[in-house]
């Protein structure tokens, strides 16, 4: 009996929603609502505006350090198993810190170029 009730309910809910959708009045949106919106850029201007490479560098840095967090998250559980894990963890943190220091010294993190 429970299976038949479940099948009936899961069939009736979509049918009721489809029926309400067809019975609902149609709206006529204005042209402003139909115009495309592209992340703050005007859709009527030139689409070939150059973007700063700084935006992409910051995005890559974010992905890199997000990946670092994903790799370092299980470290507390793995520390109980071996000293090799600690060595690899410290090597990864050192490598990423040196990379960050290099990028910082080269001015890649400055927005005011």
PDB file of N, CA and C in Angstrom:
ATOM      1  N   UNK A   1       0.818  -1.194   0.000  1.00  0.00           N
ATOM      2  CA  UNK A   1       0.000   0.000   0.000  1.00  0.00           C
ATOM      3  C   UNK A   1       0.863   1.259   0.000  1.00  0.00           C
ATOM      4  N   UNK A   2       1.984   1.230   0.729  1.00  0.00           N
ATOM      5  CA  UNK A   2       2.846   2.402   0.792  1.00  0.00           C
ATOM      6  C   UNK A   2       3.498   2.694  -0.552  1.00  0.00           C
ATOM      7  N   UNK A   3       3.889   1.655  -1.278  1.00  0.00           N
ATOM      8  CA  UNK A   3       4.506   1.850  -2.587  1.00  0.00           C
ATOM      9  C   UNK A   3       3.518   2.477  -3.556  1.00  0.00           C
ATOM     10  N   UNK A   4       2.289   2.025  -3.546  1.00  0.00           N
ATOM     11  CA  UNK A   4       1.275   2.592  -4.451  1.00  0.00           C
ATOM     12  C   UNK A   4       0.981   4.043  -4.103  1.00  0.00           C
ATOM     13  N   UNK A   5       0.961   4.369  -2.822  1.00  0.00           N
ATOM     14  CA  UNK A   5       0.716   5.748  -2.401  1.00  0.00           C
ATOM     15  C   UNK A   5       1.880   6.648  -2.820  1.00  0.00           C
ATOM     16  N   UNK A   6       3.097   6.149  -2.673  1.00  0.00           N
ATOM     17  CA  UNK A   6       4.273   6.923  -3.065  1.00  0.00           C
ATOM     18  C   UNK A   6       4.273   7.183  -4.566  1.00  0.00           C
ATOM     19  N   UNK A   7       3.970   6.179  -5.354  1.00  0.00           N
ATOM     20  CA  UNK A   7       3.910   6.347  -6.811  1.00  0.00           C
ATOM     21  C   UNK A   7       2.808   7.334  -7.188  1.00  0.00           C
ATOM     22  N   UNK A   8       1.666   7.253  -6.529  1.00  0.00           N
ATOM     23  CA  UNK A   8       0.565   8.168  -6.834  1.00  0.00           C
ATOM     24  C   UNK A   8       0.936   9.610  -6.490  1.00  0.00           C
ATOM     25  N   UNK A   9       1.571   9.813  -5.348  1.00  0.00           N
ATOM     26  CA  UNK A   9       1.936  11.173  -4.941  1.00  0.00           C
ATOM     27  C   UNK A   9       3.013  11.731  -5.861  1.00  0.00           C
ATOM     28  N   UNK A  10       4.034  10.925  -6.185  1.00  0.00           N
ATOM     29  CA  UNK A  10       5.109  11.419  -7.049  1.00  0.00           C
ATOM     30  C   UNK A  10       4.662  11.617  -8.481  1.00  0.00           C
ATOM     31  N   UNK A  11       3.548  11.053  -8.860  1.00  0.00           N
ATOM     32  CA  UNK A  11       2.989  11.311 -10.186  1.00  0.00           C
ATOM     33  C   UNK A  11       2.069  12.524 -10.165  1.00  0.00           C
ATOM     34  N   UNK A  12       1.314  12.678  -9.105  1.00  0.00           N
ATOM     35  CA  UNK A  12       0.342  13.764  -9.036  1.00  0.00           C
ATOM     36  C   UNK A  12       0.991  15.135  -8.855  1.00  0.00           C
ATOM     37  N   UNK A  13       2.047  15.221  -8.074  1.00  0.00           N
ATOM     38  CA  UNK A  13       2.670  16.527  -7.829  1.00  0.00           C
ATOM     39  C   UNK A  13       3.173  17.158  -9.130  1.00  0.00           C
ATOM     40  N   UNK A  14       3.950  16.459  -9.970  1.00  0.00           N
ATOM     41  CA  UNK A  14       4.348  17.087 -11.236  1.00  0.00           C
ATOM     42  C   UNK A  14       3.165  17.407 -12.148  1.00  0.00           C
ATOM     43  N   UNK A  15       2.156  16.550 -12.163  1.00  0.00           N
ATOM     44  CA  UNK A  15       0.985  16.825 -13.008  1.00  0.00           C
ATOM     45  C   UNK A  15       0.251  18.077 -12.534  1.00  0.00           C
ATOM     46  N   UNK A  16       0.128  18.256 -11.239  1.00  0.00           N
ATOM     47  CA  UNK A  16      -0.526  19.460 -10.705  1.00  0.00           C
ATOM     48  C   UNK A  16       0.294  20.699 -11.046  1.00  0.00           C
ATOM     49  N   UNK A  17       1.616  20.623 -10.907  1.00  0.00           N
ATOM     50  CA  UNK A  17       2.467  21.771 -11.221  1.00  0.00           C
ATOM     51  C   UNK A  17       2.426  22.121 -12.712  1.00  0.00           C
ATOM     52  N   UNK A  18       2.402  21.112 -13.567  1.00  0.00           N
ATOM     53  CA  UNK A  18       2.305  21.366 -15.011  1.00  0.00           C
ATOM     54  C   UNK A  18       0.963  22.004 -15.349  1.00  0.00           C
ATOM     55  N   UNK A  19      -0.101  21.541 -14.719  1.00  0.00           N
ATOM     56  CA  UNK A  19      -1.428  22.110 -14.954  1.00  0.00           C
ATOM     57  C   UNK A  19      -1.478  23.567 -14.504  1.00  0.00           C
ATOM     58  N   UNK A  20      -0.948  23.866 -13.320  1.00  0.00           N
ATOM     59  CA  UNK A  20      -0.909  25.261 -12.848  1.00  0.00           C
ATOM     60  C   UNK A  20      -0.091  26.140 -13.778  1.00  0.00           C
ATOM     61  N   UNK A  21       0.989  25.602 -14.312  1.00  0.00           N
ATOM     62  CA  UNK A  21       1.823  26.377 -15.219  1.00  0.00           C
ATOM     63  C   UNK A  21       1.066  26.738 -16.497  1.00  0.00           C
ATOM     64  N   UNK A  22       0.279  25.808 -17.025  1.00  0.00           N
ATOM     65  CA  UNK A  22      -0.486  26.087 -18.240  1.00  0.00           C
ATOM     66  C   UNK A  22      -1.672  27.013 -17.981  1.00  0.00           C
ATOM     67  N   UNK A  23      -2.202  26.978 -16.768  1.00  0.00           N
ATOM     68  CA  UNK A  23      -3.345  27.831 -16.452  1.00  0.00           C
ATOM     69  C   UNK A  23      -2.929  29.236 -16.021  1.00  0.00           C
ATOM     70  N   UNK A  24      -1.693  29.420 -15.645  1.00  0.00           N
ATOM     71  CA  UNK A  24      -1.225  30.735 -15.186  1.00  0.00           C
ATOM     72  C   UNK A  24      -1.238  31.718 -16.356  1.00  0.00           C
ATOM     73  N   UNK A  25      -1.534  32.982 -16.076  1.00  0.00           N
ATOM     74  CA  UNK A  25      -1.564  33.960 -17.174  1.00  0.00           C
ATOM     75  C   UNK A  25      -0.165  34.204 -17.723  1.00  0.00           C
ATOM     76  N   UNK A  26      -0.106  34.409 -19.015  1.00  0.00           N
ATOM     77  CA  UNK A  26       1.162  34.689 -19.667  1.00  0.00           C
ATOM     78  C   UNK A  26       1.544  36.143 -19.420  1.00  0.00           C
ATOM     79  N   UNK A  27       2.813  36.371 -19.132  1.00  0.00           N
ATOM     80  CA  UNK A  27       3.289  37.729 -18.903  1.00  0.00           C
ATOM     81  C   UNK A  27       3.993  38.245 -20.145  1.00  0.00           C
ATOM     82  N   UNK A  28       3.954  39.550 -20.314  1.00  0.00           N
ATOM     83  CA  UNK A  28       4.652  40.193 -21.418  1.00  0.00           C
ATOM     84  C   UNK A  28       5.773  41.056 -20.847  1.00  0.00           C
ATOM     85  N   UNK A  29       6.985  40.499 -20.728  1.00  0.00           N
ATOM     86  CA  UNK A  29       8.075  41.294 -20.156  1.00  0.00           C
ATOM     87  C   UNK A  29       8.489  42.417 -21.110  1.00  0.00           C
ATOM     88  N   UNK A  30       8.980  43.501 -20.517  1.00  0.00           N
ATOM     89  CA  UNK A  30       9.413  44.623 -21.352  1.00  0.00           C
ATOM     90  C   UNK A  30      10.808  44.346 -21.918  1.00  0.00           C
ATOM     91  N   UNK A  31      11.266  45.244 -22.780  1.00  0.00           N
ATOM     92  CA  UNK A  31      12.534  45.029 -23.473  1.00  0.00           C
ATOM     93  C   UNK A  31      13.729  45.059 -22.518  1.00  0.00           C
ATOM     94  N   UNK A  32      13.617  45.796 -21.425  1.00  0.00           N
ATOM     95  CA  UNK A  32      14.739  45.854 -20.492  1.00  0.00           C
ATOM     96  C   UNK A  32      14.953  44.510 -19.803  1.00  0.00           C
ATOM     97  N   UNK A  33      13.875  43.814 -19.496  1.00  0.00           N
ATOM     98  CA  UNK A  33      14.017  42.505 -18.875  1.00  0.00           C
ATOM     99  C   UNK A  33      14.506  41.459 -19.873  1.00  0.00           C
ATOM    100  N   UNK A  34      14.259  41.665 -21.141  1.00  0.00           N
ATOM    101  CA  UNK A  34      14.704  40.720 -22.150  1.00  0.00           C
ATOM    102  C   UNK A  34      16.126  40.984 -22.626  1.00  0.00           C
ATOM    103  N   UNK A  35      16.709  42.122 -22.274  1.00  0.00           N
ATOM    104  CA  UNK A  35      18.060  42.439 -22.730  1.00  0.00           C
ATOM    105  C   UNK A  35      19.084  41.598 -21.976  1.00  0.00           C
ATOM    106  N   UNK A  36      20.165  41.221 -22.639  1.00  0.00           N
ATOM    107  CA  UNK A  36      21.190  40.413 -21.968  1.00  0.00           C
ATOM    108  C   UNK A  36      21.989  41.246 -20.984  1.00  0.00           C
ATOM    109  N   UNK A  37      22.420  40.620 -19.923  1.00  0.00           N
ATOM    110  CA  UNK A  37      23.251  41.287 -18.923  1.00  0.00           C
ATOM    111  C   UNK A  37      24.522  40.467 -18.795  1.00  0.00           C
ATOM    112  N   UNK A  38      25.645  41.052 -19.138  1.00  0.00           N
ATOM    113  CA  UNK A  38      26.910  40.331 -19.164  1.00  0.00           C
ATOM    114  C   UNK A  38      27.857  40.839 -18.092  1.00  0.00           C
ATOM    115  N   UNK A  39      27.672  40.439 -16.883  1.00  0.00           N
ATOM    116  CA  UNK A  39      28.607  40.699 -15.785  1.00  0.00           C
ATOM    117  C   UNK A  39      28.973  42.164 -15.640  1.00  0.00           C
ATOM    118  N   UNK A  40      28.040  43.047 -15.790  1.00  0.00           N
ATOM    119  CA  UNK A  40      28.312  44.458 -15.590  1.00  0.00           C
ATOM    120  C   UNK A  40      28.758  45.192 -16.833  1.00  0.00           C
ATOM    121  N   UNK A  41      29.055  44.477 -17.912  1.00  0.00           N
ATOM    122  CA  UNK A  41      29.445  45.129 -19.152  1.00  0.00           C
ATOM    123  C   UNK A  41      28.200  45.450 -19.956  1.00  0.00           C
ATOM    124  N   UNK A  42      28.212  46.579 -20.604  1.00  0.00           N
ATOM    125  CA  UNK A  42      27.069  46.959 -21.416  1.00  0.00           C
ATOM    126  C   UNK A  42      27.023  46.082 -22.666  1.00  0.00           C
ATOM    127  N   UNK A  43      25.878  45.485 -22.981  1.00  0.00           N
ATOM    128  CA  UNK A  43      25.799  44.629 -24.161  1.00  0.00           C
ATOM    129  C   UNK A  43      25.788  45.428 -25.466  1.00  0.00           C
ATOM    130  N   UNK A  44      25.662  46.738 -25.376  1.00  0.00           N
ATOM    131  CA  UNK A  44      25.605  47.552 -26.585  1.00  0.00           C
ATOM    132  C   UNK A  44      26.973  48.083 -27.001  1.00  0.00           C
ATOM    133  N   UNK A  45      27.985  47.925 -26.150  1.00  0.00           N
ATOM    134  CA  UNK A  45      29.321  48.393 -26.478  1.00  0.00           C
ATOM    135  C   UNK A  45      30.105  47.311 -27.219  1.00  0.00           C
ATOM    136  N   UNK A  46      31.340  47.637 -27.535  1.00  0.00           N
ATOM    137  CA  UNK A  46      32.207  46.713 -28.231  1.00  0.00           C
ATOM    138  C   UNK A  46      32.500  45.504 -27.336  1.00  0.00           C
ATOM    139  N   UNK A  47      32.377  44.308 -27.879  1.00  0.00           N
ATOM    140  CA  UNK A  47      32.587  43.088 -27.107  1.00  0.00           C
ATOM    141  C   UNK A  47      34.063  42.737 -26.991  1.00  0.00           C
ATOM    142  N   UNK A  48      34.924  43.438 -27.689  1.00  0.00           N
ATOM    143  CA  UNK A  48      36.349  43.116 -27.702  1.00  0.00           C
ATOM    144  C   UNK A  48      37.172  44.029 -26.813  1.00  0.00           C
ATOM    145  N   UNK A  49      36.613  44.471 -25.702  1.00  0.00           N
ATOM    146  CA  UNK A  49      37.357  45.312 -24.781  1.00  0.00           C
ATOM    147  C   UNK A  49      38.432  44.478 -24.093  1.00  0.00           C
ATOM    148  N   UNK A  50      39.650  44.988 -24.011  1.00  0.00           N
ATOM    149  CA  UNK A  50      40.708  44.207 -23.358  1.00  0.00           C
ATOM    150  C   UNK A  50      40.523  44.179 -21.846  1.00  0.00           C
ATOM    151  N   UNK A  51      40.737  43.021 -21.272  1.00  0.00           N
ATOM    152  CA  UNK A  51      40.694  42.866 -19.826  1.00  0.00           C
ATOM    153  C   UNK A  51      42.117  42.805 -19.304  1.00  0.00           C
ATOM    154  N   UNK A  52      42.309  43.275 -18.107  1.00  0.00           N
ATOM    155  CA  UNK A  52      43.631  43.257 -17.503  1.00  0.00           C
ATOM    156  C   UNK A  52      44.037  41.830 -17.176  1.00  0.00           C
ATOM    157  N   UNK A  53      45.312  41.541 -17.410  1.00  0.00           N
ATOM    158  CA  UNK A  53      45.832  40.219 -17.092  1.00  0.00           C
ATOM    159  C   UNK A  53      45.871  39.995 -15.586  1.00  0.00           C
ATOM    160  N   UNK A  54      45.834  41.083 -14.801  1.00  0.00           N
ATOM    161  CA  UNK A  54      45.839  40.986 -13.349  1.00  0.00           C
ATOM    162  C   UNK A  54      44.632  40.192 -12.848  1.00  0.00           C
ATOM    163  N   UNK A  55      43.495  40.376 -13.508  1.00  0.00           N
ATOM    164  CA  UNK A  55      42.293  39.636 -13.107  1.00  0.00           C
ATOM    165  C   UNK A  55      42.534  38.136 -13.204  1.00  0.00           C
ATOM    166  N   UNK A  56      43.137  37.705 -14.292  1.00  0.00           N
ATOM    167  CA  UNK A  56      43.378  36.282 -14.487  1.00  0.00           C
ATOM    168  C   UNK A  56      44.461  35.763 -13.543  1.00  0.00           C
ATOM    169  N   UNK A  57      45.462  36.579 -13.251  1.00  0.00           N
ATOM    170  CA  UNK A  57      46.501  36.157 -12.316  1.00  0.00           C
ATOM    171  C   UNK A  57      45.932  35.954 -10.914  1.00  0.00           C
ATOM    172  N   UNK A  58      45.087  36.866 -10.480  1.00  0.00           N
ATOM    173  CA  UNK A  58      44.474  36.716  -9.157  1.00  0.00           C
ATOM    174  C   UNK A  58      43.579  35.471  -9.126  1.00  0.00           C
ATOM    175  N   UNK A  59      42.875  35.205 -10.212  1.00  0.00           N
ATOM    176  CA  UNK A  59      42.034  34.004 -10.268  1.00  0.00           C
ATOM    177  C   UNK A  59      42.885  32.738 -10.198  1.00  0.00           C
ATOM    178  N   UNK A  60      44.031  32.738 -10.878  1.00  0.00           N
ATOM    179  CA  UNK A  60      44.914  31.574 -10.836  1.00  0.00           C
ATOM    180  C   UNK A  60      45.502  31.403  -9.441  1.00  0.00           C
ATOM    181  N   UNK A  61      45.879  32.510  -8.800  1.00  0.00           N
ATOM    182  CA  UNK A  61      46.386  32.419  -7.433  1.00  0.00           C
ATOM    183  C   UNK A  61      45.325  31.852  -6.499  1.00  0.00           C
ATOM    184  N   UNK A  62      44.100  32.286  -6.673  1.00  0.00           N
ATOM    185  CA  UNK A  62      43.020  31.770  -5.837  1.00  0.00           C
ATOM    186  C   UNK A  62      42.864  30.267  -6.033  1.00  0.00           C
ATOM    187  N   UNK A  63      42.874  29.811  -7.282  1.00  0.00           N
ATOM    188  CA  UNK A  63      42.732  28.377  -7.533  1.00  0.00           C
ATOM    189  C   UNK A  63      43.915  27.591  -6.973  1.00  0.00           C
ATOM    190  N   UNK A  64      45.098  28.156  -7.080  1.00  0.00           N
ATOM    191  CA  UNK A  64      46.286  27.483  -6.576  1.00  0.00           C
ATOM    192  C   UNK A  64      46.209  27.307  -5.059  1.00  0.00           C
ATOM    193  N   UNK A  65      45.845  28.362  -4.347  1.00  0.00           N
ATOM    194  CA  UNK A  65      45.799  28.252  -2.896  1.00  0.00           C
ATOM    195  C   UNK A  65      44.560  27.497  -2.428  1.00  0.00           C
ATOM    196  N   UNK A  66      43.528  27.470  -3.238  1.00  0.00           N
ATOM    197  CA  UNK A  66      42.387  26.626  -2.916  1.00  0.00           C
ATOM    198  C   UNK A  66      42.785  25.158  -3.029  1.00  0.00           C
ATOM    199  N   UNK A  67      43.563  24.841  -4.045  1.00  0.00           N
ATOM    200  CA  UNK A  67      44.073  23.481  -4.191  1.00  0.00           C
ATOM    201  C   UNK A  67      45.002  23.127  -3.042  1.00  0.00           C
ATOM    202  N   UNK A  68      45.789  24.098  -2.588  1.00  0.00           N
ATOM    203  CA  UNK A  68      46.676  23.865  -1.450  1.00  0.00           C
ATOM    204  C   UNK A  68      45.867  23.489  -0.219  1.00  0.00           C
ATOM    205  N   UNK A  69      44.781  24.183   0.017  1.00  0.00           N
ATOM    206  CA  UNK A  69      43.939  23.863   1.175  1.00  0.00           C
ATOM    207  C   UNK A  69      43.358  22.463   1.041  1.00  0.00           C
ATOM    208  N   UNK A  70      42.957  22.092  -0.168  1.00  0.00           N
ATOM    209  CA  UNK A  70      42.399  20.754  -0.372  1.00  0.00           C
ATOM    210  C   UNK A  70      43.455  19.674  -0.149  1.00  0.00           C
ATOM    211  N   UNK A  71      44.705  19.971  -0.509  1.00  0.00           N
ATOM    212  CA  UNK A  71      45.760  18.985  -0.295  1.00  0.00           C
ATOM    213  C   UNK A  71      46.203  18.907   1.158  1.00  0.00           C
ATOM    214  N   UNK A  72      46.133  20.026   1.875  1.00  0.00           N
ATOM    215  CA  UNK A  72      46.604  20.038   3.259  1.00  0.00           C
ATOM    216  C   UNK A  72      45.515  19.690   4.273  1.00  0.00           C
ATOM    217  N   UNK A  73      44.271  19.607   3.831  1.00  0.00           N
ATOM    218  CA  UNK A  73      43.184  19.335   4.771  1.00  0.00           C
ATOM    219  C   UNK A  73      43.308  17.980   5.482  1.00  0.00           C
ATOM    220  N   UNK A  74      43.660  16.893   4.802  1.00  0.00           N
ATOM    221  CA  UNK A  74      43.743  15.606   5.523  1.00  0.00           C
ATOM    222  C   UNK A  74      45.043  15.395   6.293  1.00  0.00           C
ATOM    223  N   UNK A  75      45.921  16.376   6.328  1.00  0.00           N
ATOM    224  CA  UNK A  75      47.220  16.218   6.979  1.00  0.00           C
ATOM    225  C   UNK A  75      47.111  15.869   8.469  1.00  0.00           C
ATOM    226  N   UNK A  76      46.230  16.494   9.255  1.00  0.00           N
ATOM    227  CA  UNK A  76      46.186  16.116  10.690  1.00  0.00           C
ATOM    228  C   UNK A  76      45.885  14.642  10.922  1.00  0.00           C
ATOM    229  N   UNK A  77      45.108  14.018  10.073  1.00  0.00           N
ATOM    230  CA  UNK A  77      44.816  12.598  10.234  1.00  0.00           C
ATOM    231  C   UNK A  77      45.987  11.739   9.761  1.00  0.00           C
ATOM    232  N   UNK A  78      46.741  12.251   8.787  1.00  0.00           N
ATOM    233  CA  UNK A  78      47.854  11.482   8.252  1.00  0.00           C
ATOM    234  C   UNK A  78      49.117  11.632   9.089  1.00  0.00           C
ATOM    235  N   UNK A  79      49.185  12.634   9.949  1.00  0.00           N
ATOM    236  CA  UNK A  79      50.391  12.846  10.749  1.00  0.00           C
ATOM    237  C   UNK A  79      50.662  11.690  11.698  1.00  0.00           C
ATOM    238  N   UNK A  80      49.656  10.961  12.068  1.00  0.00           N
ATOM    239  CA  UNK A  80      49.833   9.844  12.982  1.00  0.00           C
ATOM    240  C   UNK A  80      50.467   8.630  12.309  1.00  0.00           C
ATOM    241  N   UNK A  81      50.522   8.628  10.981  1.00  0.00           N
ATOM    242  CA  UNK A  81      50.971   7.432  10.277  1.00  0.00           C
ATOM    243  C   UNK A  81      52.466   7.427   9.993  1.00  0.00           C
ATOM    244  N   UNK A  82      53.019   8.539   9.476  1.00  0.00           N
ATOM    245  CA  UNK A  82      54.434   8.497   9.123  1.00  0.00           C
ATOM    246  C   UNK A  82      55.044   9.893   9.140  1.00  0.00           C
ATOM    247  N   UNK A  83      56.366   9.914   9.213  1.00  0.00           N
ATOM    248  CA  UNK A  83      57.096  11.178   9.175  1.00  0.00           C
ATOM    249  C   UNK A  83      57.250  11.675   7.740  1.00  0.00           C
ATOM    250  N   UNK A  84      57.086  10.800   6.781  1.00  0.00           N
ATOM    251  CA  UNK A  84      57.190  11.205   5.373  1.00  0.00           C
ATOM    252  C   UNK A  84      56.079  12.176   5.015  1.00  0.00           C
ATOM    253  N   UNK A  85      54.922  11.989   5.590  1.00  0.00           N
ATOM    254  CA  UNK A  85      53.804  12.889   5.329  1.00  0.00           C
ATOM    255  C   UNK A  85      54.137  14.294   5.798  1.00  0.00           C
ATOM    256  N   UNK A  86      54.755  14.400   6.952  1.00  0.00           N
ATOM    257  CA  UNK A  86      55.140  15.712   7.473  1.00  0.00           C
ATOM    258  C   UNK A  86      56.161  16.377   6.552  1.00  0.00           C
ATOM    259  N   UNK A  87      57.098  15.592   6.052  1.00  0.00           N
ATOM    260  CA  UNK A  87      58.116  16.122   5.142  1.00  0.00           C
ATOM    261  C   UNK A  87      57.483  16.651   3.866  1.00  0.00           C
ATOM    262  N   UNK A  88      56.588  15.888   3.271  1.00  0.00           N
ATOM    263  CA  UNK A  88      55.921  16.337   2.036  1.00  0.00           C
ATOM    264  C   UNK A  88      55.043  17.552   2.288  1.00  0.00           C
ATOM    265  N   UNK A  89      54.394  17.592   3.448  1.00  0.00           N
ATOM    266  CA  UNK A  89      53.553  18.730   3.790  1.00  0.00           C
ATOM    267  C   UNK A  89      54.393  19.995   3.911  1.00  0.00           C
ATOM    268  N   UNK A  90      55.514  19.905   4.622  1.00  0.00           N
ATOM    269  CA  UNK A  90      56.383  21.068   4.784  1.00  0.00           C
ATOM    270  C   UNK A  90      57.009  21.486   3.460  1.00  0.00           C
ATOM    271  N   UNK A  91      57.339  20.525   2.608  1.00  0.00           N
ATOM    272  CA  UNK A  91      57.890  20.837   1.290  1.00  0.00           C
ATOM    273  C   UNK A  91      56.850  21.565   0.422  1.00  0.00           C
ATOM    274  N   UNK A  92      55.602  21.109   0.468  1.00  0.00           N
ATOM    275  CA  UNK A  92      54.538  21.766  -0.292  1.00  0.00           C
ATOM    276  C   UNK A  92      54.298  23.185   0.206  1.00  0.00           C
ATOM    277  N   UNK A  93      54.249  23.362   1.515  1.00  0.00           N
ATOM    278  CA  UNK A  93      54.039  24.704   2.069  1.00  0.00           C
ATOM    279  C   UNK A  93      55.220  25.614   1.731  1.00  0.00           C
ATOM    280  N   UNK A  94      56.441  25.101   1.811  1.00  0.00           N
ATOM    281  CA  UNK A  94      57.625  25.890   1.475  1.00  0.00           C
ATOM    282  C   UNK A  94      57.616  26.293   0.001  1.00  0.00           C
ATOM    283  N   UNK A  95      57.298  25.358  -0.881  1.00  0.00           N
ATOM    284  CA  UNK A  95      57.252  25.650  -2.317  1.00  0.00           C
ATOM    285  C   UNK A  95      56.214  26.720  -2.632  1.00  0.00           C
ATOM    286  N   UNK A  96      55.040  26.603  -2.041  1.00  0.00           N
ATOM    287  CA  UNK A  96      53.995  27.590  -2.297  1.00  0.00           C
ATOM    288  C   UNK A  96      54.329  28.943  -1.680  1.00  0.00           C
ATOM    289  N   UNK A  97      54.978  28.941  -0.537  1.00  0.00           N
ATOM    290  CA  UNK A  97      55.385  30.210   0.083  1.00  0.00           C
ATOM    291  C   UNK A  97      56.458  30.901  -0.756  1.00  0.00           C
ATOM    292  N   UNK A  98      57.413  30.136  -1.258  1.00  0.00           N
ATOM    293  CA  UNK A  98      58.435  30.721  -2.139  1.00  0.00           C
ATOM    294  C   UNK A  98      57.818  31.259  -3.434  1.00  0.00           C
ATOM    295  N   UNK A  99      56.863  30.543  -3.975  1.00  0.00           N
ATOM    296  CA  UNK A  99      56.171  31.026  -5.174  1.00  0.00           C
ATOM    297  C   UNK A  99      55.397  32.303  -4.919  1.00  0.00           C
ATOM    298  N   UNK A 100      54.736  32.371  -3.779  1.00  0.00           N
ATOM    299  CA  UNK A 100      54.000  33.580  -3.421  1.00  0.00           C
ATOM    300  C   UNK A 100      54.950  34.752  -3.218  1.00  0.00           C
ATOM    301  N   UNK A 101      56.073  34.505  -2.548  1.00  0.00           N
ATOM    302  CA  UNK A 101      57.051  35.574  -2.330  1.00  0.00           C
ATOM    303  C   UNK A 101      57.623  36.063  -3.665  1.00  0.00           C
ATOM    304  N   UNK A 102      57.877  35.150  -4.588  1.00  0.00           N
ATOM    305  CA  UNK A 102      58.397  35.544  -5.893  1.00  0.00           C
ATOM    306  C   UNK A 102      57.381  36.394  -6.654  1.00  0.00           C
ATOM    307  N   UNK A 103      56.135  35.955  -6.672  1.00  0.00           N
ATOM    308  CA  UNK A 103      55.095  36.718  -7.377  1.00  0.00           C
ATOM    309  C   UNK A 103      54.898  38.084  -6.731  1.00  0.00           C
ATOM    310  N   UNK A 104      54.980  38.135  -5.424  1.00  0.00           N
ATOM    311  CA  UNK A 104      54.831  39.398  -4.710  1.00  0.00           C
ATOM    312  C   UNK A 104      55.982  40.339  -5.044  1.00  0.00           C
ATOM    313  N   UNK A 105      57.206  39.790  -5.093  1.00  0.00           N
ATOM    314  CA  UNK A 105      58.366  40.631  -5.412  1.00  0.00           C
ATOM    315  C   UNK A 105      58.345  41.104  -6.854  1.00  0.00           C
ATOM    316  N   UNK A 106      57.751  40.358  -7.760  1.00  0.00           N
ATOM    317  CA  UNK A 106      57.663  40.748  -9.158  1.00  0.00           C
ATOM    318  C   UNK A 106      56.538  41.758  -9.398  1.00  0.00           C
ATOM    319  N   UNK A 107      55.685  41.957  -8.405  1.00  0.00           N
ATOM    320  CA  UNK A 107      54.605  42.934  -8.520  1.00  0.00           C
ATOM    321  C   UNK A 107      53.351  42.377  -9.178  1.00  0.00           C
ATOM    322  N   UNK A 108      53.214  41.067  -9.238  1.00  0.00           N
ATOM    323  CA  UNK A 108      52.053  40.474  -9.891  1.00  0.00           C
ATOM    324  C   UNK A 108      50.784  40.632  -9.064  1.00  0.00           C
ATOM    325  N   UNK A 109      50.914  40.952  -7.774  1.00  0.00           N
ATOM    326  CA  UNK A 109      49.743  41.100  -6.922  1.00  0.00           C
ATOM    327  C   UNK A 109      49.305  42.550  -6.773  1.00  0.00           C
ATOM    328  N   UNK A 110      49.982  43.466  -7.453  1.00  0.00           N
ATOM    329  CA  UNK A 110      49.610  44.883  -7.384  1.00  0.00           C
ATOM    330  C   UNK A 110      48.513  45.182  -8.395  1.00  0.00           C
ATOM    331  N   UNK A 111      47.413  45.763  -7.933  1.00  0.00           N
ATOM    332  CA  UNK A 111      46.287  46.106  -8.813  1.00  0.00           C
ATOM    333  C   UNK A 111      46.503  47.449  -9.508  1.00  0.00           C
ATOM    334  N   UNK A 112      47.441  48.237  -9.048  1.00  0.00           N
ATOM    335  CA  UNK A 112      47.544  49.611  -9.535  1.00  0.00           C
ATOM    336  C   UNK A 112      48.554  49.776 -10.662  1.00  0.00           C
ATOM    337  N   UNK A 113      48.824  48.769 -11.407  1.00  0.00           N
ATOM    338  CA  UNK A 113      49.747  48.895 -12.530  1.00  0.00           C
ATOM    339  C   UNK A 113      49.111  49.633 -13.678  1.00  0.00           C
TER     340      UNK A 113
END
